[in-house]
PDB file of all heavy atoms in Angstrom:
ATOM      1  N   CYS A   1      70.949  81.975  84.655  1.00  0.00           N
ATOM      2  CA  CYS A   1      71.293  80.601  84.231  1.00  0.00           C
ATOM      3  C   CYS A   1      71.424  80.554  82.715  1.00  0.00           C
ATOM      4  O   CYS A   1      70.888  81.400  81.982  1.00  0.00           O
ATOM      5  CB  CYS A   1      70.305  79.571  84.750  1.00  0.00           C
ATOM      6  SG  CYS A   1      68.697  79.603  83.974  1.00  0.00           S
ATOM      7  N   THR A   2      72.169  79.564  82.239  1.00  0.00           N
ATOM      8  CA  THR A   2      72.454  79.486  80.829  1.00  0.00           C
ATOM      9  C   THR A   2      71.337  78.797  80.036  1.00  0.00           C
ATOM     10  O   THR A   2      71.293  78.978  78.824  1.00  0.00           O
ATOM     11  CB  THR A   2      73.771  78.705  80.600  1.00  0.00           C
ATOM     12  OG1 THR A   2      73.684  77.441  81.237  1.00  0.00           O
ATOM     13  CG2 THR A   2      74.956  79.447  81.140  1.00  0.00           C
ATOM     14  N   CYS A   3      70.474  78.080  80.690  1.00  0.00           N
ATOM     15  CA  CYS A   3      69.482  77.308  79.922  1.00  0.00           C
ATOM     16  C   CYS A   3      68.183  78.088  79.693  1.00  0.00           C
ATOM     17  O   CYS A   3      67.414  77.704  78.818  1.00  0.00           O
ATOM     18  CB  CYS A   3      69.164  75.982  80.628  1.00  0.00           C
ATOM     19  SG  CYS A   3      68.395  76.158  82.239  1.00  0.00           S
ATOM     20  N   TRP A   4      67.952  79.211  80.373  1.00  0.00           N
ATOM     21  CA  TRP A   4      66.700  79.952  80.179  1.00  0.00           C
ATOM     22  C   TRP A   4      66.857  81.361  80.659  1.00  0.00           C
ATOM     23  O   TRP A   4      67.437  81.607  81.719  1.00  0.00           O
ATOM     24  CB  TRP A   4      65.609  79.277  80.980  1.00  0.00           C
ATOM     25  CG  TRP A   4      64.219  79.722  80.612  1.00  0.00           C
ATOM     26  CD1 TRP A   4      63.318  80.357  81.445  1.00  0.00           C
ATOM     27  CD2 TRP A   4      63.538  79.547  79.385  1.00  0.00           C
ATOM     28  NE1 TRP A   4      62.158  80.596  80.750  1.00  0.00           N
ATOM     29  CE2 TRP A   4      62.271  80.094  79.492  1.00  0.00           C
ATOM     30  CE3 TRP A   4      63.918  78.971  78.154  1.00  0.00           C
ATOM     31  CZ2 TRP A   4      61.335  80.105  78.437  1.00  0.00           C
ATOM     32  CZ3 TRP A   4      62.995  78.944  77.113  1.00  0.00           C
ATOM     33  CH2 TRP A   4      61.727  79.518  77.277  1.00  0.00           C
ATOM     34  N   THR A   5      66.399  82.310  79.890  1.00  0.00           N
ATOM     35  CA  THR A   5      66.490  83.709  80.285  1.00  0.00           C
ATOM     36  C   THR A   5      65.153  84.427  80.115  1.00  0.00           C
ATOM     37  O   THR A   5      64.380  84.108  79.220  1.00  0.00           O
ATOM     38  CB  THR A   5      67.544  84.481  79.417  1.00  0.00           C
ATOM     39  OG1 THR A   5      67.150  84.368  78.036  1.00  0.00           O
ATOM     40  CG2 THR A   5      68.916  83.904  79.589  1.00  0.00           C
ATOM     41  N   LYS A   6      64.899  85.309  81.034  1.00  0.00           N
ATOM     42  CA  LYS A   6      63.750  86.191  81.018  1.00  0.00           C
ATOM     43  C   LYS A   6      64.168  87.450  81.753  1.00  0.00           C
ATOM     44  O   LYS A   6      65.211  87.477  82.417  1.00  0.00           O
ATOM     45  CB  LYS A   6      62.545  85.558  81.715  1.00  0.00           C
ATOM     46  CG  LYS A   6      61.777  84.603  80.889  1.00  0.00           C
ATOM     47  CD  LYS A   6      60.460  84.254  81.562  1.00  0.00           C
ATOM     48  CE  LYS A   6      59.595  83.465  80.619  1.00  0.00           C
ATOM     49  NZ  LYS A   6      58.347  83.032  81.252  1.00  0.00           N
ATOM     50  N   ASP A   7      63.317  88.460  81.658  1.00  0.00           N
ATOM     51  CA  ASP A   7      63.659  89.745  82.316  1.00  0.00           C
ATOM     52  C   ASP A   7      63.689  89.614  83.819  1.00  0.00           C
ATOM     53  O   ASP A   7      64.530  90.219  84.463  1.00  0.00           O
ATOM     54  CB  ASP A   7      62.631  90.807  81.905  1.00  0.00           C
ATOM     55  CG  ASP A   7      62.761  91.208  80.457  1.00  0.00           C
ATOM     56  OD1 ASP A   7      63.870  91.040  79.887  1.00  0.00           O
ATOM     57  OD2 ASP A   7      61.781  91.670  79.880  1.00  0.00           O
ATOM     58  N   GLU A   8      62.789  88.838  84.366  1.00  0.00           N
ATOM     59  CA  GLU A   8      62.673  88.714  85.808  1.00  0.00           C
ATOM     60  C   GLU A   8      63.239  87.348  86.315  1.00  0.00           C
ATOM     61  O   GLU A   8      62.767  86.320  85.880  1.00  0.00           O
ATOM     62  CB  GLU A   8      61.221  88.810  86.256  1.00  0.00           C
ATOM     63  CG  GLU A   8      60.619  90.183  86.073  1.00  0.00           C
ATOM     64  CD  GLU A   8      61.264  91.216  86.952  1.00  0.00           C
ATOM     65  OE1 GLU A   8      61.633  90.905  88.115  1.00  0.00           O
ATOM     66  OE2 GLU A   8      61.435  92.343  86.467  1.00  0.00           O
ATOM     67  N   PRO A   9      64.219  87.385  87.186  1.00  0.00           N
ATOM     68  CA  PRO A   9      64.803  86.107  87.686  1.00  0.00           C
ATOM     69  C   PRO A   9      63.778  85.192  88.326  1.00  0.00           C
ATOM     70  O   PRO A   9      63.856  83.989  88.184  1.00  0.00           O
ATOM     71  CB  PRO A   9      65.838  86.592  88.724  1.00  0.00           C
ATOM     72  CG  PRO A   9      66.176  87.981  88.311  1.00  0.00           C
ATOM     73  CD  PRO A   9      64.945  88.533  87.692  1.00  0.00           C
ATOM     74  N   MET A  10      62.782  85.756  89.010  1.00  0.00           N
ATOM     75  CA  MET A  10      61.735  84.905  89.631  1.00  0.00           C
ATOM     76  C   MET A  10      60.907  84.166  88.545  1.00  0.00           C
ATOM     77  O   MET A  10      60.469  83.031  88.790  1.00  0.00           O
ATOM     78  CB  MET A  10      60.820  85.719  90.534  1.00  0.00           C
ATOM     79  CG  MET A  10      61.486  86.124  91.841  1.00  0.00           C
ATOM     80  SD  MET A  10      62.184  84.754  92.762  1.00  0.00           S
ATOM     81  CE  MET A  10      60.707  83.819  93.164  1.00  0.00           C
ATOM     82  N   ASP A  11      60.735  84.783  87.404  1.00  0.00           N
ATOM     83  CA  ASP A  11      60.011  84.110  86.290  1.00  0.00           C
ATOM     84  C   ASP A  11      60.848  82.928  85.801  1.00  0.00           C
ATOM     85  O   ASP A  11      60.292  81.897  85.488  1.00  0.00           O
ATOM     86  CB  ASP A  11      59.754  85.088  85.142  1.00  0.00           C
ATOM     87  CG  ASP A  11      58.709  86.124  85.491  1.00  0.00           C
ATOM     88  OD1 ASP A  11      57.948  85.933  86.469  1.00  0.00           O
ATOM     89  OD2 ASP A  11      58.639  87.146  84.775  1.00  0.00           O
ATOM     90  N   VAL A  12      62.164  83.099  85.709  1.00  0.00           N
ATOM     91  CA  VAL A  12      63.043  82.033  85.283  1.00  0.00           C
ATOM     92  C   VAL A  12      62.936  80.865  86.275  1.00  0.00           C
ATOM     93  O   VAL A  12      62.749  79.703  85.881  1.00  0.00           O
ATOM     94  CB  VAL A  12      64.496  82.510  85.166  1.00  0.00           C
ATOM     95  CG1 VAL A  12      65.429  81.312  84.846  1.00  0.00           C
ATOM     96  CG2 VAL A  12      64.606  83.556  84.078  1.00  0.00           C
ATOM     97  N   MET A  13      63.026  81.199  87.562  1.00  0.00           N
ATOM     98  CA  MET A  13      62.973  80.160  88.578  1.00  0.00           C
ATOM     99  C   MET A  13      61.641  79.432  88.543  1.00  0.00           C
ATOM    100  O   MET A  13      61.582  78.189  88.632  1.00  0.00           O
ATOM    101  CB  MET A  13      63.222  80.768  89.974  1.00  0.00           C
ATOM    102  CG  MET A  13      63.347  79.737  91.042  1.00  0.00           C
ATOM    103  SD  MET A  13      64.770  78.623  90.866  1.00  0.00           S
ATOM    104  CE  MET A  13      66.005  79.603  91.626  1.00  0.00           C
ATOM    105  N   THR A  14      60.542  80.158  88.408  1.00  0.00           N
ATOM    106  CA  THR A  14      59.223  79.571  88.323  1.00  0.00           C
ATOM    107  C   THR A  14      59.136  78.583  87.128  1.00  0.00           C
ATOM    108  O   THR A  14      58.650  77.482  87.274  1.00  0.00           O
ATOM    109  CB  THR A  14      58.164  80.651  88.192  1.00  0.00           C
ATOM    110  OG1 THR A  14      58.218  81.470  89.380  1.00  0.00           O
ATOM    111  CG2 THR A  14      56.777  80.054  88.066  1.00  0.00           C
ATOM    112  N   ASP A  15      59.629  79.041  85.980  1.00  0.00           N
ATOM    113  CA  ASP A  15      59.575  78.221  84.777  1.00  0.00           C
ATOM    114  C   ASP A  15      60.372  76.900  84.983  1.00  0.00           C
ATOM    115  O   ASP A  15      59.924  75.821  84.619  1.00  0.00           O
ATOM    116  CB  ASP A  15      60.118  78.951  83.557  1.00  0.00           C
ATOM    117  CG  ASP A  15      59.233  80.086  83.087  1.00  0.00           C
ATOM    118  OD1 ASP A  15      58.036  80.126  83.496  1.00  0.00           O
ATOM    119  OD2 ASP A  15      59.730  80.925  82.321  1.00  0.00           O
ATOM    120  N   LEU A  16      61.549  77.033  85.589  1.00  0.00           N
ATOM    121  CA  LEU A  16      62.374  75.865  85.808  1.00  0.00           C
ATOM    122  C   LEU A  16      61.754  74.875  86.761  1.00  0.00           C
ATOM    123  O   LEU A  16      61.700  73.678  86.501  1.00  0.00           O
ATOM    124  CB  LEU A  16      63.749  76.293  86.335  1.00  0.00           C
ATOM    125  CG  LEU A  16      64.649  77.048  85.373  1.00  0.00           C
ATOM    126  CD1 LEU A  16      65.839  77.654  86.135  1.00  0.00           C
ATOM    127  CD2 LEU A  16      65.097  76.190  84.228  1.00  0.00           C
ATOM    128  N   LEU A  17      61.213  75.387  87.854  1.00  0.00           N
ATOM    129  CA  LEU A  17      60.607  74.484  88.835  1.00  0.00           C
ATOM    130  C   LEU A  17      59.335  73.792  88.287  1.00  0.00           C
ATOM    131  O   LEU A  17      59.089  72.625  88.554  1.00  0.00           O
ATOM    132  CB  LEU A  17      60.296  75.261  90.101  1.00  0.00           C
ATOM    133  CG  LEU A  17      61.546  75.737  90.884  1.00  0.00           C
ATOM    134  CD1 LEU A  17      61.129  76.684  92.036  1.00  0.00           C
ATOM    135  CD2 LEU A  17      62.377  74.610  91.383  1.00  0.00           C
ATOM    136  N   GLN A  18      58.577  74.522  87.538  1.00  0.00           N
ATOM    137  CA  GLN A  18      57.421  73.916  86.891  1.00  0.00           C
ATOM    138  C   GLN A  18      57.818  72.873  85.864  1.00  0.00           C
ATOM    139  O   GLN A  18      57.194  71.803  85.789  1.00  0.00           O
ATOM    140  CB  GLN A  18      56.539  74.996  86.240  1.00  0.00           C
ATOM    141  CG  GLN A  18      55.848  75.901  87.230  1.00  0.00           C
ATOM    142  CD  GLN A  18      55.110  77.029  86.544  1.00  0.00           C
ATOM    143  OE1 GLN A  18      55.252  77.293  85.345  1.00  0.00           O
ATOM    144  NE2 GLN A  18      54.291  77.717  87.300  1.00  0.00           N
ATOM    145  N   ALA A  19      58.857  73.167  85.102  1.00  0.00           N
ATOM    146  CA  ALA A  19      59.317  72.215  84.108  1.00  0.00           C
ATOM    147  C   ALA A  19      59.813  70.912  84.728  1.00  0.00           C
ATOM    148  O   ALA A  19      59.630  69.846  84.155  1.00  0.00           O
ATOM    149  CB  ALA A  19      60.431  72.841  83.255  1.00  0.00           C
ATOM    150  N   ILE A  20      60.415  71.009  85.895  1.00  0.00           N
ATOM    151  CA  ILE A  20      60.859  69.788  86.609  1.00  0.00           C
ATOM    152  C   ILE A  20      59.665  68.876  86.884  1.00  0.00           C
ATOM    153  O   ILE A  20      59.756  67.680  86.679  1.00  0.00           O
ATOM    154  CB  ILE A  20      61.617  70.144  87.904  1.00  0.00           C
ATOM    155  CG1 ILE A  20      62.968  70.763  87.530  1.00  0.00           C
ATOM    156  CG2 ILE A  20      61.800  68.927  88.799  1.00  0.00           C
ATOM    157  CD1 ILE A  20      63.718  71.374  88.709  1.00  0.00           C
ATOM    158  N   GLU A  21      58.580  69.463  87.353  1.00  0.00           N
ATOM    159  CA  GLU A  21      57.384  68.663  87.641  1.00  0.00           C
ATOM    160  C   GLU A  21      56.802  67.992  86.390  1.00  0.00           C
ATOM    161  O   GLU A  21      56.446  66.847  86.409  1.00  0.00           O
ATOM    162  CB  GLU A  21      56.319  69.535  88.334  1.00  0.00           C
ATOM    163  CG  GLU A  21      56.670  69.977  89.707  1.00  0.00           C
ATOM    164  CD  GLU A  21      56.912  68.777  90.623  1.00  0.00           C
ATOM    165  OE1 GLU A  21      56.093  67.892  90.666  1.00  0.00           O
ATOM    166  OE2 GLU A  21      57.945  68.778  91.305  1.00  0.00           O
ATOM    167  N   VAL A  22      56.751  68.773  85.319  1.00  0.00           N
ATOM    168  CA  VAL A  22      56.244  68.191  84.054  1.00  0.00           C
ATOM    169  C   VAL A  22      57.189  67.151  83.532  1.00  0.00           C
ATOM    170  O   VAL A  22      56.769  66.088  83.055  1.00  0.00           O
ATOM    171  CB  VAL A  22      55.954  69.302  83.011  1.00  0.00           C
ATOM    172  CG1 VAL A  22      55.620  68.736  81.693  1.00  0.00           C
ATOM    173  CG2 VAL A  22      54.842  70.221  83.515  1.00  0.00           C
ATOM    174  N   ARG A  23      58.502  67.379  83.642  1.00  0.00           N
ATOM    175  CA  ARG A  23      59.463  66.426  83.122  1.00  0.00           C
ATOM    176  C   ARG A  23      59.392  65.110  83.915  1.00  0.00           C
ATOM    177  O   ARG A  23      59.540  64.030  83.312  1.00  0.00           O
ATOM    178  CB  ARG A  23      60.897  67.036  83.251  1.00  0.00           C
ATOM    179  CG  ARG A  23      61.971  66.135  82.669  1.00  0.00           C
ATOM    180  CD  ARG A  23      61.665  65.888  81.202  1.00  0.00           C
ATOM    181  NE  ARG A  23      62.375  64.711  80.762  1.00  0.00           N
ATOM    182  CZ  ARG A  23      63.001  64.641  79.582  1.00  0.00           C
ATOM    183  NH1 ARG A  23      62.976  65.647  78.769  1.00  0.00           N
ATOM    184  NH2 ARG A  23      63.610  63.550  79.262  1.00  0.00           N
ATOM    185  N   ARG A  24      59.102  65.172  85.181  1.00  0.00           N
ATOM    186  CA  ARG A  24      58.915  63.939  85.984  1.00  0.00           C
ATOM    187  C   ARG A  24      57.841  63.084  85.385  1.00  0.00           C
ATOM    188  O   ARG A  24      57.926  61.865  85.273  1.00  0.00           O
ATOM    189  CB  ARG A  24      58.581  64.259  87.425  1.00  0.00           C
ATOM    190  CG  ARG A  24      59.765  64.613  88.233  1.00  0.00           C
ATOM    191  CD  ARG A  24      59.436  64.635  89.735  1.00  0.00           C
ATOM    192  NE  ARG A  24      60.617  65.043  90.444  1.00  0.00           N
ATOM    193  CZ  ARG A  24      60.724  66.149  91.148  1.00  0.00           C
ATOM    194  NH1 ARG A  24      59.741  66.995  91.259  1.00  0.00           N
ATOM    195  NH2 ARG A  24      61.852  66.451  91.765  1.00  0.00           N
ATOM    196  N   ALA A  25      56.711  63.732  85.034  1.00  0.00           N
ATOM    197  CA  ALA A  25      55.600  62.992  84.417  1.00  0.00           C
ATOM    198  C   ALA A  25      55.980  62.434  83.048  1.00  0.00           C
ATOM    199  O   ALA A  25      55.636  61.280  82.714  1.00  0.00           O
ATOM    200  CB  ALA A  25      54.379  63.919  84.278  1.00  0.00           C
ATOM    201  N   LEU A  26      56.752  63.179  82.261  1.00  0.00           N
ATOM    202  CA  LEU A  26      57.185  62.717  80.962  1.00  0.00           C
ATOM    203  C   LEU A  26      58.090  61.475  81.127  1.00  0.00           C
ATOM    204  O   LEU A  26      57.971  60.509  80.375  1.00  0.00           O
ATOM    205  CB  LEU A  26      57.976  63.790  80.194  1.00  0.00           C
ATOM    206  CG  LEU A  26      57.215  65.014  79.729  1.00  0.00           C
ATOM    207  CD1 LEU A  26      58.150  65.999  79.061  1.00  0.00           C
ATOM    208  CD2 LEU A  26      56.102  64.604  78.815  1.00  0.00           C
ATOM    209  N   ASP A  27      58.969  61.543  82.130  1.00  0.00           N
ATOM    210  CA  ASP A  27      59.873  60.410  82.383  1.00  0.00           C
ATOM    211  C   ASP A  27      59.126  59.150  82.804  1.00  0.00           C
ATOM    212  O   ASP A  27      59.621  58.061  82.679  1.00  0.00           O
ATOM    213  CB  ASP A  27      60.925  60.799  83.410  1.00  0.00           C
ATOM    214  CG  ASP A  27      61.948  61.787  82.867  1.00  0.00           C
ATOM    215  OD1 ASP A  27      61.957  62.032  81.634  1.00  0.00           O
ATOM    216  OD2 ASP A  27      62.741  62.325  83.670  1.00  0.00           O
ATOM    217  N   GLN A  28      57.918  59.335  83.316  1.00  0.00           N
ATOM    218  CA  GLN A  28      57.097  58.187  83.712  1.00  0.00           C
ATOM    219  C   GLN A  28      56.178  57.716  82.549  1.00  0.00           C
ATOM    220  O   GLN A  28      55.328  56.861  82.750  1.00  0.00           O
ATOM    221  CB  GLN A  28      56.249  58.534  84.947  1.00  0.00           C
ATOM    222  CG  GLN A  28      57.087  58.751  86.155  1.00  0.00           C
ATOM    223  CD  GLN A  28      56.281  59.232  87.344  1.00  0.00           C
ATOM    224  OE1 GLN A  28      55.073  59.500  87.234  1.00  0.00           O
ATOM    225  NE2 GLN A  28      56.924  59.310  88.508  1.00  0.00           N
ATOM    226  N   GLY A  29      56.385  58.296  81.403  1.00  0.00           N
ATOM    227  CA  GLY A  29      55.679  57.845  80.197  1.00  0.00           C
ATOM    228  C   GLY A  29      54.403  58.611  79.851  1.00  0.00           C
ATOM    229  O   GLY A  29      53.695  58.249  78.903  1.00  0.00           O
ATOM    230  N   GLU A  30      54.129  59.658  80.584  1.00  0.00           N
ATOM    231  CA  GLU A  30      52.922  60.455  80.322  1.00  0.00           C
ATOM    232  C   GLU A  30      53.177  61.336  79.086  1.00  0.00           C
ATOM    233  O   GLU A  30      54.239  61.934  78.970  1.00  0.00           O
ATOM    234  CB  GLU A  30      52.614  61.322  81.536  1.00  0.00           C
ATOM    235  CG  GLU A  30      51.182  61.731  81.623  1.00  0.00           C
ATOM    236  CD  GLU A  30      50.893  62.330  82.994  1.00  0.00           C
ATOM    237  OE1 GLU A  30      51.301  61.754  84.017  1.00  0.00           O
ATOM    238  OE2 GLU A  30      50.228  63.381  83.017  1.00  0.00           O
TER     239      GLU A  30
END
């Protein structure tokens, strides 16, 4: 993907999925 790179594709996917959860909290004002 163009937004994030790492050596291992599973690491990229993990980072993206975790960031979605944190971003949801940020969008709720946390």
